Amino acid sequence: MGTALTPGNTDYSIIVADRGGQLVGYVCYGPTPMTEDTYDLYWIASAPEVRGQGVGAALVSAMEGDLRRRNGRLIRVETSATEAYGPTRGFYASMKYGEEARIRDFYKVGDDLIILTKRLQTGG
């Protein structure tokens, strides 16, 4: 697992996963504007050949570790309610992200926006 990178002067952080020098996944996240200690998980991806091998879980765990060090308290993820995103929602559920809100017909009629969150346990 790579380390958190902050490219340029942006609020994005990126953690990459590699195997044998080949990029096999990444997660991109950053602070949610106008909030205190809340972060958005913007994108996570893994190569098809490593799906189901723990790459995504390792990336999310590394991101959460980084955010705990930053005293992050809440992570937010947006996803689709369509059947095609069922495995994605299942992945987040396995990582203890729960549905916080739903906006019906957001992306298009019949395609709801689902907002998932996870509260990070901090020492306080």
C-alpha atoms as a PDB file:
ATOM      1  CA  MET A   1       0.000   0.000   0.000  1.00  0.00           C
ATOM      2  CA  GLY A   2       1.361   3.399  -0.929  1.00  0.00           C
ATOM      3  CA  THR A   3       1.292   6.454   1.244  1.00  0.00           C
ATOM      4  CA  ALA A   4      -1.165   9.329   1.121  1.00  0.00           C
ATOM      5  CA  LEU A   5      -0.248  11.803  -1.581  1.00  0.00           C
ATOM      6  CA  THR A   6      -1.537  15.330  -1.876  1.00  0.00           C
ATOM      7  CA  PRO A   7      -1.053  16.418  -5.492  1.00  0.00           C
ATOM      8  CA  GLY A   8      -0.330  20.110  -5.949  1.00  0.00           C
ATOM      9  CA  ASN A   9      -2.315  22.592  -3.888  1.00  0.00           C
ATOM     10  CA  THR A  10      -5.579  20.674  -3.837  1.00  0.00           C
ATOM     11  CA  ASP A  11      -7.602  19.293  -0.996  1.00  0.00           C
ATOM     12  CA  TYR A  12      -7.440  15.799  -2.520  1.00  0.00           C
ATOM     13  CA  SER A  13      -5.429  12.986  -0.981  1.00  0.00           C
ATOM     14  CA  ILE A  14      -4.710   9.802  -2.887  1.00  0.00           C
ATOM     15  CA  ILE A  15      -3.536   6.420  -1.658  1.00  0.00           C
ATOM     16  CA  VAL A  16      -2.426   3.915  -4.264  1.00  0.00           C
ATOM     17  CA  ALA A  17      -2.103   0.144  -4.123  1.00  0.00           C
ATOM     18  CA  ASP A  18       0.474  -1.631  -6.228  1.00  0.00           C
ATOM     19  CA  ARG A  19       1.583  -5.180  -6.778  1.00  0.00           C
ATOM     20  CA  GLY A  20       4.910  -5.880  -8.370  1.00  0.00           C
ATOM     21  CA  GLY A  21       5.219  -2.273  -9.450  1.00  0.00           C
ATOM     22  CA  GLN A  22       1.814  -2.265 -11.170  1.00  0.00           C
ATOM     23  CA  LEU A  23      -0.941   0.077 -10.034  1.00  0.00           C
ATOM     24  CA  VAL A  24      -3.900  -2.083  -8.940  1.00  0.00           C
ATOM     25  CA  GLY A  25      -6.070   0.459  -7.128  1.00  0.00           C
ATOM     26  CA  TYR A  26      -6.462   3.864  -5.593  1.00  0.00           C
ATOM     27  CA  VAL A  27      -8.674   5.879  -3.287  1.00  0.00           C
ATOM     28  CA  CYS A  28      -9.160   9.648  -3.546  1.00  0.00           C
ATOM     29  CA  TYR A  29     -10.617  11.635  -0.644  1.00  0.00           C
ATOM     30  CA  GLY A  30     -10.581  15.071   0.897  1.00  0.00           C
ATOM     31  CA  PRO A  31     -12.137  17.426   3.412  1.00  0.00           C
ATOM     32  CA  THR A  32     -15.784  18.294   2.865  1.00  0.00           C
ATOM     33  CA  PRO A  33     -16.058  22.054   2.268  1.00  0.00           C
ATOM     34  CA  MET A  34     -17.698  24.132   5.016  1.00  0.00           C
ATOM     35  CA  THR A  35     -17.543  21.335   7.625  1.00  0.00           C
ATOM     36  CA  GLU A  36     -15.398  20.507  10.625  1.00  0.00           C
ATOM     37  CA  ASP A  37     -13.490  17.220  10.498  1.00  0.00           C
ATOM     38  CA  THR A  38     -15.762  15.695   7.814  1.00  0.00           C
ATOM     39  CA  TYR A  39     -14.314  14.080   4.701  1.00  0.00           C
ATOM     40  CA  ASP A  40     -15.616  12.854   1.359  1.00  0.00           C
ATOM     41  CA  LEU A  41     -14.476   9.633  -0.242  1.00  0.00           C
ATOM     42  CA  TYR A  42     -14.589  10.788  -3.850  1.00  0.00           C
ATOM     43  CA  TRP A  43     -13.356   7.781  -5.824  1.00  0.00           C
ATOM     44  CA  ILE A  44     -12.130   4.282  -5.180  1.00  0.00           C
ATOM     45  CA  ALA A  45     -11.136   1.843  -7.891  1.00  0.00           C
ATOM     46  CA  SER A  46      -9.338  -1.453  -8.228  1.00  0.00           C
ATOM     47  CA  ALA A  47      -8.212  -3.401 -11.254  1.00  0.00           C
ATOM     48  CA  PRO A  48     -10.646  -6.175 -12.255  1.00  0.00           C
ATOM     49  CA  GLU A  49      -7.988  -8.855 -11.811  1.00  0.00           C
ATOM     50  CA  VAL A  50      -7.584  -8.062  -8.084  1.00  0.00           C
ATOM     51  CA  ARG A  51     -11.250  -7.599  -7.145  1.00  0.00           C
ATOM     52  CA  GLY A  52     -12.210  -9.740  -4.188  1.00  0.00           C
ATOM     53  CA  GLN A  53      -8.598  -9.907  -2.997  1.00  0.00           C
ATOM     54  CA  GLY A  54      -8.849  -7.205  -0.312  1.00  0.00           C
ATOM     55  CA  VAL A  55      -7.344  -4.307  -2.268  1.00  0.00           C
ATOM     56  CA  GLY A  56     -10.407  -2.079  -1.813  1.00  0.00           C
ATOM     57  CA  ALA A  57     -10.666  -2.923   1.883  1.00  0.00           C
ATOM     58  CA  ALA A  58      -6.974  -2.171   2.381  1.00  0.00           C
ATOM     59  CA  LEU A  59      -7.353   1.183   0.607  1.00  0.00           C
ATOM     60  CA  VAL A  60     -10.383   2.182   2.697  1.00  0.00           C
ATOM     61  CA  SER A  61      -8.606   1.086   5.898  1.00  0.00           C
ATOM     62  CA  ALA A  62      -5.528   3.119   4.954  1.00  0.00           C
ATOM     63  CA  MET A  63      -7.709   6.166   4.216  1.00  0.00           C
ATOM     64  CA  GLU A  64      -9.522   5.786   7.534  1.00  0.00           C
ATOM     65  CA  GLY A  65      -6.192   5.511   9.356  1.00  0.00           C
ATOM     66  CA  ASP A  66      -4.998   8.706   7.703  1.00  0.00           C
ATOM     67  CA  LEU A  67      -8.235  10.494   8.623  1.00  0.00           C
ATOM     68  CA  ARG A  68      -8.043   9.311  12.234  1.00  0.00           C
ATOM     69  CA  ARG A  69      -4.540  10.830  12.412  1.00  0.00           C
ATOM     70  CA  ARG A  70      -6.099  14.075  11.126  1.00  0.00           C
ATOM     71  CA  ASN A  71      -8.826  13.824  13.796  1.00  0.00           C
ATOM     72  CA  GLY A  72     -11.476  13.201  11.146  1.00  0.00           C
ATOM     73  CA  ARG A  73     -14.840  12.306  12.612  1.00  0.00           C
ATOM     74  CA  LEU A  74     -17.112  11.550   9.655  1.00  0.00           C
ATOM     75  CA  ILE A  75     -16.643  10.117   6.158  1.00  0.00           C
ATOM     76  CA  ARG A  76     -19.288  10.586   3.476  1.00  0.00           C
ATOM     77  CA  VAL A  77     -19.745   8.579   0.268  1.00  0.00           C
ATOM     78  CA  GLU A  78     -22.264   9.130  -2.520  1.00  0.00           C
ATOM     79  CA  THR A  79     -23.411   6.253  -4.719  1.00  0.00           C
ATOM     80  CA  SER A  80     -26.228   5.161  -6.983  1.00  0.00           C
ATOM     81  CA  ALA A  81     -29.227   3.016  -6.047  1.00  0.00           C
ATOM     82  CA  THR A  82     -29.247   1.135  -9.347  1.00  0.00           C
ATOM     83  CA  GLU A  83     -28.763  -2.608  -9.466  1.00  0.00           C
ATOM     84  CA  ALA A  84     -25.400  -2.161 -11.181  1.00  0.00           C
ATOM     85  CA  TYR A  85     -24.101  -0.496  -8.004  1.00  0.00           C
ATOM     86  CA  GLY A  86     -25.319  -3.312  -5.734  1.00  0.00           C
ATOM     87  CA  PRO A  87     -21.818  -4.786  -5.338  1.00  0.00           C
ATOM     88  CA  THR A  88     -20.470  -1.316  -4.559  1.00  0.00           C
ATOM     89  CA  ARG A  89     -23.085  -0.785  -1.847  1.00  0.00           C
ATOM     90  CA  GLY A  90     -22.312  -4.270  -0.493  1.00  0.00           C
ATOM     91  CA  PHE A  91     -18.629  -3.391  -0.309  1.00  0.00           C
ATOM     92  CA  TYR A  92     -19.351  -0.223   1.668  1.00  0.00           C
ATOM     93  CA  ALA A  93     -21.706  -2.115   3.986  1.00  0.00           C
ATOM     94  CA  SER A  94     -18.909  -4.622   4.672  1.00  0.00           C
ATOM     95  CA  MET A  95     -16.690  -1.666   5.615  1.00  0.00           C
ATOM     96  CA  LYS A  96     -19.388  -0.439   8.075  1.00  0.00           C
ATOM     97  CA  TYR A  97     -20.714   2.468   5.987  1.00  0.00           C
ATOM     98  CA  GLY A  98     -24.445   2.928   6.494  1.00  0.00           C
ATOM     99  CA  GLU A  99     -27.133   4.720   4.522  1.00  0.00           C
ATOM    100  CA  GLU A 100     -27.646   8.183   5.965  1.00  0.00           C
ATOM    101  CA  ALA A 101     -29.870   9.726   3.292  1.00  0.00           C
ATOM    102  CA  ARG A 102     -31.467   9.093  -0.083  1.00  0.00           C
ATOM    103  CA  ILE A 103     -32.539  11.574  -2.734  1.00  0.00           C
ATOM    104  CA  ARG A 104     -35.040   9.886  -4.997  1.00  0.00           C
ATOM    105  CA  ASP A 105     -34.647  10.235  -8.780  1.00  0.00           C
ATOM    106  CA  PHE A 106     -31.448  12.239  -8.343  1.00  0.00           C
ATOM    107  CA  TYR A 107     -29.373  10.952 -11.263  1.00  0.00           C
ATOM    108  CA  LYS A 108     -32.457  10.246 -13.379  1.00  0.00           C
ATOM    109  CA  VAL A 109     -35.953   8.901 -12.781  1.00  0.00           C
ATOM    110  CA  GLY A 110     -35.523   5.603 -10.954  1.00  0.00           C
ATOM    111  CA  ASP A 111     -31.886   6.253  -9.995  1.00  0.00           C
ATOM    112  CA  ASP A 112     -31.609   7.530  -6.441  1.00  0.00           C
ATOM    113  CA  LEU A 113     -28.567   9.117  -4.852  1.00  0.00           C
ATOM    114  CA  ILE A 114     -27.599   7.238  -1.694  1.00  0.00           C
ATOM    115  CA  ILE A 115     -25.411   8.985   0.858  1.00  0.00           C
ATOM    116  CA  LEU A 116     -23.454   6.626   3.081  1.00  0.00           C
ATOM    117  CA  THR A 117     -21.516   7.641   6.175  1.00  0.00           C
ATOM    118  CA  LYS A 118     -19.137   6.209   8.704  1.00  0.00           C
ATOM    119  CA  ARG A 119     -18.269   7.839  11.990  1.00  0.00           C
ATOM    120  CA  LEU A 120     -14.642   7.448  12.991  1.00  0.00           C
ATOM    121  CA  GLN A 121     -13.862   6.645  16.589  1.00  0.00           C
ATOM    122  CA  THR A 122     -11.439   9.173  17.986  1.00  0.00           C
ATOM    123  CA  GLY A 123      -9.778   9.167  21.345  1.00  0.00           C
ATOM    124  CA  GLY A 124     -12.092  11.869  22.735  1.00  0.00           C
END
